[in-house]
Amino acid sequence: ALSSDREQPIHIDADRMVAEEARGYSHYLGNVHITQGSLKIDADEVYIYLVDGALNKLIIIGTPAKLQQIPYNSAEVVYSRAKRIEYFTSTDRLLLMENAEVWQGASRFAGERIEYDSRNSRVSASSVGKESGRIRAVIVPKKKSATSETPTGETPAGETPTDRKSG
């Protein structure tokens, strides 16, 4: 996620809310919308857990629950959805369970369970419990720019082979 997202205030809209300060959590129910910088969450219910006043964990439930955010290394939004999403702030882990999907542009992962470790840029997916027991992935390669290097052995336009050797 964008590093500036964590510094932004968290805005929450929901039909109802119950807070259990002694247990360190609040429970938002009904048409829940959360935004924090580029982060956007839509769900049926959300549990927010705090430790010493700081966000520790989110449990996001929906049919499906949806989460989107701009990653720090790209301008293209990453979208995800699942019946249950858990986010652990201390480890920067996102766990999507039950009909999980994550996509960015045309690249997509889908399975029964997807875990994303943003600190280590690691994604793992499985389909335990599904008849096929398979995950689905579509990975679209980035297009090469017009200014990319010439293939080995070719001389760039306007240059002779002897110019290359002397340079």
C-alpha atoms as a PDB file:
ATOM      1  CA  ALA A   1       0.000   0.000   0.000  1.00  0.00           C
ATOM      2  CA  LEU A   2       1.000   3.603  -0.336  1.00  0.00           C
ATOM      3  CA  SER A   3       3.027   4.603   2.716  1.00  0.00           C
ATOM      4  CA  SER A   4       0.927   7.765   3.012  1.00  0.00           C
ATOM      5  CA  ASP A   5      -2.267   5.684   3.443  1.00  0.00           C
ATOM      6  CA  ARG A   6      -1.347   4.711   7.013  1.00  0.00           C
ATOM      7  CA  GLU A   7      -1.001   8.374   7.945  1.00  0.00           C
ATOM      8  CA  GLN A   8      -4.524   9.212   6.740  1.00  0.00           C
ATOM      9  CA  PRO A   9      -7.606   9.164   8.976  1.00  0.00           C
ATOM     10  CA  ILE A  10      -9.911   6.145   8.735  1.00  0.00           C
ATOM     11  CA  HIS A  11     -13.462   7.055   7.644  1.00  0.00           C
ATOM     12  CA  ILE A  12     -16.192   4.513   8.455  1.00  0.00           C
ATOM     13  CA  ASP A  13     -19.856   4.540   7.411  1.00  0.00           C
ATOM     14  CA  ALA A  14     -22.208   1.760   8.555  1.00  0.00           C
ATOM     15  CA  ASP A  15     -25.811   1.164   9.581  1.00  0.00           C
ATOM     16  CA  ARG A  16     -24.842   0.149  13.152  1.00  0.00           C
ATOM     17  CA  MET A  17     -21.805  -0.033  15.413  1.00  0.00           C
ATOM     18  CA  VAL A  18     -21.020  -1.762  18.706  1.00  0.00           C
ATOM     19  CA  ALA A  19     -17.770  -0.974  20.512  1.00  0.00           C
ATOM     20  CA  GLU A  20     -16.333  -3.123  23.291  1.00  0.00           C
ATOM     21  CA  GLU A  21     -13.569  -0.899  24.614  1.00  0.00           C
ATOM     22  CA  ALA A  22     -12.570  -3.379  27.342  1.00  0.00           C
ATOM     23  CA  ARG A  23     -12.058  -6.084  24.689  1.00  0.00           C
ATOM     24  CA  GLY A  24     -10.336  -3.669  22.274  1.00  0.00           C
ATOM     25  CA  TYR A  25     -12.620  -3.952  19.280  1.00  0.00           C
ATOM     26  CA  SER A  26     -15.489  -2.333  17.458  1.00  0.00           C
ATOM     27  CA  HIS A  27     -18.010  -4.104  15.225  1.00  0.00           C
ATOM     28  CA  TYR A  28     -19.592  -2.282  12.278  1.00  0.00           C
ATOM     29  CA  LEU A  29     -22.692  -3.811  10.676  1.00  0.00           C
ATOM     30  CA  GLY A  30     -24.772  -3.187   7.591  1.00  0.00           C
ATOM     31  CA  ASN A  31     -23.561  -1.579   4.374  1.00  0.00           C
ATOM     32  CA  VAL A  32     -20.076  -0.831   5.766  1.00  0.00           C
ATOM     33  CA  HIS A  33     -17.840   1.523   3.782  1.00  0.00           C
ATOM     34  CA  ILE A  34     -14.306   2.303   4.972  1.00  0.00           C
ATOM     35  CA  THR A  35     -11.730   4.584   3.360  1.00  0.00           C
ATOM     36  CA  GLN A  36      -8.181   5.463   4.369  1.00  0.00           C
ATOM     37  CA  GLY A  37      -6.165   7.208   1.664  1.00  0.00           C
ATOM     38  CA  SER A  38      -6.286   4.931  -1.413  1.00  0.00           C
ATOM     39  CA  LEU A  39      -7.747   2.029   0.641  1.00  0.00           C
ATOM     40  CA  LYS A  40     -11.453   1.358   0.093  1.00  0.00           C
ATOM     41  CA  ILE A  41     -13.448  -1.430   1.788  1.00  0.00           C
ATOM     42  CA  ASP A  42     -17.073  -2.435   1.186  1.00  0.00           C
ATOM     43  CA  ALA A  43     -18.576  -5.154   3.400  1.00  0.00           C
ATOM     44  CA  ASP A  44     -21.581  -6.411   5.309  1.00  0.00           C
ATOM     45  CA  GLU A  45     -19.681  -6.247   8.595  1.00  0.00           C
ATOM     46  CA  VAL A  46     -16.227  -5.291   9.827  1.00  0.00           C
ATOM     47  CA  TYR A  47     -14.453  -5.951  13.128  1.00  0.00           C
ATOM     48  CA  ILE A  48     -11.672  -3.509  13.989  1.00  0.00           C
ATOM     49  CA  TYR A  49      -9.200  -4.529  16.703  1.00  0.00           C
ATOM     50  CA  LEU A  50      -6.968  -1.982  18.423  1.00  0.00           C
ATOM     51  CA  VAL A  51      -3.924  -2.536  20.626  1.00  0.00           C
ATOM     52  CA  ASP A  52      -2.788   0.472  22.675  1.00  0.00           C
ATOM     53  CA  GLY A  53      -4.953   2.699  20.449  1.00  0.00           C
ATOM     54  CA  ALA A  54      -3.334   1.507  17.209  1.00  0.00           C
ATOM     55  CA  LEU A  55      -5.001  -0.593  14.513  1.00  0.00           C
ATOM     56  CA  ASN A  56      -3.958  -4.234  14.921  1.00  0.00           C
ATOM     57  CA  LYS A  57      -6.364  -6.344  12.865  1.00  0.00           C
ATOM     58  CA  LEU A  58      -9.395  -6.069  10.582  1.00  0.00           C
ATOM     59  CA  ILE A  59     -11.902  -8.841   9.889  1.00  0.00           C
ATOM     60  CA  ILE A  60     -14.033  -7.998   6.866  1.00  0.00           C
ATOM     61  CA  ILE A  61     -17.104 -10.110   6.029  1.00  0.00           C
ATOM     62  CA  GLY A  62     -19.394  -9.834   3.020  1.00  0.00           C
ATOM     63  CA  THR A  63     -21.116 -11.489   0.117  1.00  0.00           C
ATOM     64  CA  PRO A  64     -18.486 -10.745  -1.090  1.00  0.00           C
ATOM     65  CA  ALA A  65     -16.411  -8.301   0.938  1.00  0.00           C
ATOM     66  CA  LYS A  66     -14.377  -6.022  -1.341  1.00  0.00           C
ATOM     67  CA  LEU A  67     -11.073  -4.267  -0.797  1.00  0.00           C
ATOM     68  CA  GLN A  68      -9.085  -2.091  -3.164  1.00  0.00           C
ATOM     69  CA  GLN A  69      -5.869  -0.125  -2.764  1.00  0.00           C
ATOM     70  CA  ILE A  70      -3.052   1.437  -4.769  1.00  0.00           C
ATOM     71  CA  PRO A  71       0.212  -0.402  -4.014  1.00  0.00           C
ATOM     72  CA  TYR A  72       3.350   1.621  -3.307  1.00  0.00           C
ATOM     73  CA  ASN A  73       5.133   0.346  -6.430  1.00  0.00           C
ATOM     74  CA  SER A  74       2.365   0.941  -8.993  1.00  0.00           C
ATOM     75  CA  ALA A  75      -0.250   3.462 -10.045  1.00  0.00           C
ATOM     76  CA  GLU A  76      -2.660   0.640 -10.931  1.00  0.00           C
ATOM     77  CA  VAL A  77      -5.242  -0.309  -8.280  1.00  0.00           C
ATOM     78  CA  VAL A  78      -5.207  -3.826  -6.794  1.00  0.00           C
ATOM     79  CA  TYR A  79      -8.715  -5.218  -6.250  1.00  0.00           C
ATOM     80  CA  SER A  80      -9.649  -8.139  -4.036  1.00  0.00           C
ATOM     81  CA  ARG A  81     -12.822  -9.851  -2.899  1.00  0.00           C
ATOM     82  CA  ALA A  82     -13.787 -12.838  -0.793  1.00  0.00           C
ATOM     83  CA  LYS A  83     -16.432 -13.878   1.678  1.00  0.00           C
ATOM     84  CA  ARG A  84     -13.973 -13.195   4.534  1.00  0.00           C
ATOM     85  CA  ILE A  85     -10.862 -11.002   4.514  1.00  0.00           C
ATOM     86  CA  GLU A  86      -8.470 -10.654   7.441  1.00  0.00           C
ATOM     87  CA  TYR A  87      -5.761  -8.011   7.554  1.00  0.00           C
ATOM     88  CA  PHE A  88      -2.968  -8.126  10.148  1.00  0.00           C
ATOM     89  CA  THR A  89      -1.212  -4.757  10.411  1.00  0.00           C
ATOM     90  CA  SER A  90       1.758  -5.949  12.481  1.00  0.00           C
ATOM     91  CA  THR A  91       2.826  -8.382   9.749  1.00  0.00           C
ATOM     92  CA  ASP A  92       1.256  -6.666   6.685  1.00  0.00           C
ATOM     93  CA  ARG A  93      -0.553  -9.924   5.807  1.00  0.00           C
ATOM     94  CA  LEU A  94      -3.862 -10.065   3.972  1.00  0.00           C
ATOM     95  CA  LEU A  95      -5.793 -13.336   4.082  1.00  0.00           C
ATOM     96  CA  LEU A  96      -8.758 -13.872   1.732  1.00  0.00           C
ATOM     97  CA  MET A  97     -11.019 -16.888   2.324  1.00  0.00           C
ATOM     98  CA  GLU A  98     -13.946 -18.443   0.433  1.00  0.00           C
ATOM     99  CA  ASN A  99     -14.196 -17.634  -3.282  1.00  0.00           C
ATOM    100  CA  ALA A 100     -11.168 -15.349  -3.099  1.00  0.00           C
ATOM    101  CA  GLU A 101      -9.957 -13.241  -6.023  1.00  0.00           C
ATOM    102  CA  VAL A 102      -7.167 -10.685  -6.401  1.00  0.00           C
ATOM    103  CA  TRP A 103      -6.543  -8.774  -9.610  1.00  0.00           C
ATOM    104  CA  GLN A 104      -4.564  -5.851 -10.968  1.00  0.00           C
ATOM    105  CA  GLY A 105      -5.216  -4.906 -14.567  1.00  0.00           C
ATOM    106  CA  ALA A 106      -5.570  -8.138 -16.535  1.00  0.00           C
ATOM    107  CA  SER A 107      -3.490 -10.208 -14.069  1.00  0.00           C
ATOM    108  CA  ARG A 108      -5.672 -12.289 -11.724  1.00  0.00           C
ATOM    109  CA  PHE A 109      -5.469 -14.969  -8.998  1.00  0.00           C
ATOM    110  CA  ALA A 110      -8.497 -16.910  -7.780  1.00  0.00           C
ATOM    111  CA  GLY A 111      -8.896 -19.740  -5.299  1.00  0.00           C
ATOM    112  CA  GLU A 112     -10.579 -20.727  -2.092  1.00  0.00           C
ATOM    113  CA  ARG A 113      -7.807 -19.093  -0.015  1.00  0.00           C
ATOM    114  CA  ILE A 114      -5.276 -16.428  -0.993  1.00  0.00           C
ATOM    115  CA  GLU A 115      -2.609 -15.041   1.320  1.00  0.00           C
ATOM    116  CA  TYR A 116      -0.697 -11.897   0.437  1.00  0.00           C
ATOM    117  CA  ASP A 117       2.388 -10.873   2.417  1.00  0.00           C
ATOM    118  CA  SER A 118       2.987  -7.288   1.301  1.00  0.00           C
ATOM    119  CA  ARG A 119       6.274  -6.932   3.210  1.00  0.00           C
ATOM    120  CA  ASN A 120       7.851  -9.717   1.188  1.00  0.00           C
ATOM    121  CA  SER A 121       5.700  -9.337  -1.975  1.00  0.00           C
ATOM    122  CA  ARG A 122       4.632 -12.988  -1.653  1.00  0.00           C
ATOM    123  CA  VAL A 123       1.288 -14.418  -2.780  1.00  0.00           C
ATOM    124  CA  SER A 124       0.124 -17.971  -2.120  1.00  0.00           C
ATOM    125  CA  ALA A 125      -3.202 -19.487  -3.151  1.00  0.00           C
ATOM    126  CA  SER A 126      -5.003 -22.783  -2.615  1.00  0.00           C
ATOM    127  CA  SER A 127      -8.397 -24.308  -3.289  1.00  0.00           C
ATOM    128  CA  VAL A 128      -8.709 -26.730  -0.397  1.00  0.00           C
ATOM    129  CA  GLY A 129     -12.318 -27.826  -0.110  1.00  0.00           C
ATOM    130  CA  LYS A 130     -13.196 -27.216  -3.758  1.00  0.00           C
ATOM    131  CA  GLU A 131     -14.037 -30.116  -6.069  1.00  0.00           C
ATOM    132  CA  SER A 132     -11.274 -29.235  -8.519  1.00  0.00           C
ATOM    133  CA  GLY A 133      -8.697 -28.457  -5.819  1.00  0.00           C
ATOM    134  CA  ARG A 134      -7.149 -26.005  -8.288  1.00  0.00           C
ATOM    135  CA  ILE A 135      -6.357 -22.316  -8.295  1.00  0.00           C
ATOM    136  CA  ARG A 136      -6.706 -20.090 -11.337  1.00  0.00           C
ATOM    137  CA  ALA A 137      -4.158 -17.491 -12.407  1.00  0.00           C
ATOM    138  CA  VAL A 138      -3.788 -15.143 -15.353  1.00  0.00           C
ATOM    139  CA  ILE A 139      -0.493 -13.280 -15.572  1.00  0.00           C
ATOM    140  CA  VAL A 140      -0.187 -10.648 -18.275  1.00  0.00           C
ATOM    141  CA  PRO A 141       3.394  -9.636 -19.119  1.00  0.00           C
ATOM    142  CA  LYS A 142       4.272  -5.954 -19.201  1.00  0.00           C
ATOM    143  CA  LYS A 143       4.667  -4.547 -22.693  1.00  0.00           C
ATOM    144  CA  LYS A 144       8.158  -3.448 -23.685  1.00  0.00           C
ATOM    145  CA  SER A 145       8.530   0.268 -24.258  1.00  0.00           C
ATOM    146  CA  ALA A 146       9.605   1.676 -27.625  1.00  0.00           C
ATOM    147  CA  THR A 147      12.881   2.842 -26.052  1.00  0.00           C
ATOM    148  CA  SER A 148      13.943  -0.584 -24.792  1.00  0.00           C
ATOM    149  CA  GLU A 149      17.340  -2.012 -25.686  1.00  0.00           C
ATOM    150  CA  THR A 150      18.006  -3.468 -29.109  1.00  0.00           C
ATOM    151  CA  PRO A 151      18.500  -7.249 -29.362  1.00  0.00           C
ATOM    152  CA  THR A 152      22.062  -8.532 -28.983  1.00  0.00           C
ATOM    153  CA  GLY A 153      24.149  -8.119 -32.107  1.00  0.00           C
ATOM    154  CA  GLU A 154      22.079  -5.309 -33.606  1.00  0.00           C
ATOM    155  CA  THR A 155      23.485  -1.838 -34.047  1.00  0.00           C
ATOM    156  CA  PRO A 156      21.253   1.041 -32.957  1.00  0.00           C
ATOM    157  CA  ALA A 157      20.125   3.330 -35.782  1.00  0.00           C
ATOM    158  CA  GLY A 158      22.744   5.901 -36.801  1.00  0.00           C
ATOM    159  CA  GLU A 159      25.657   3.935 -35.315  1.00  0.00           C
ATOM    160  CA  THR A 160      28.160   1.737 -37.122  1.00  0.00           C
ATOM    161  CA  PRO A 161      29.697  -1.431 -35.657  1.00  0.00           C
ATOM    162  CA  THR A 162      33.056   0.353 -35.349  1.00  0.00           C
ATOM    163  CA  ASP A 163      31.437   3.200 -33.360  1.00  0.00           C
ATOM    164  CA  ARG A 164      30.225   0.647 -30.785  1.00  0.00           C
ATOM    165  CA  LYS A 165      33.685  -0.864 -30.319  1.00  0.00           C
ATOM    166  CA  SER A 166      35.397   2.470 -29.828  1.00  0.00           C
ATOM    167  CA  GLY A 167      32.787   3.837 -27.358  1.00  0.00           C
END
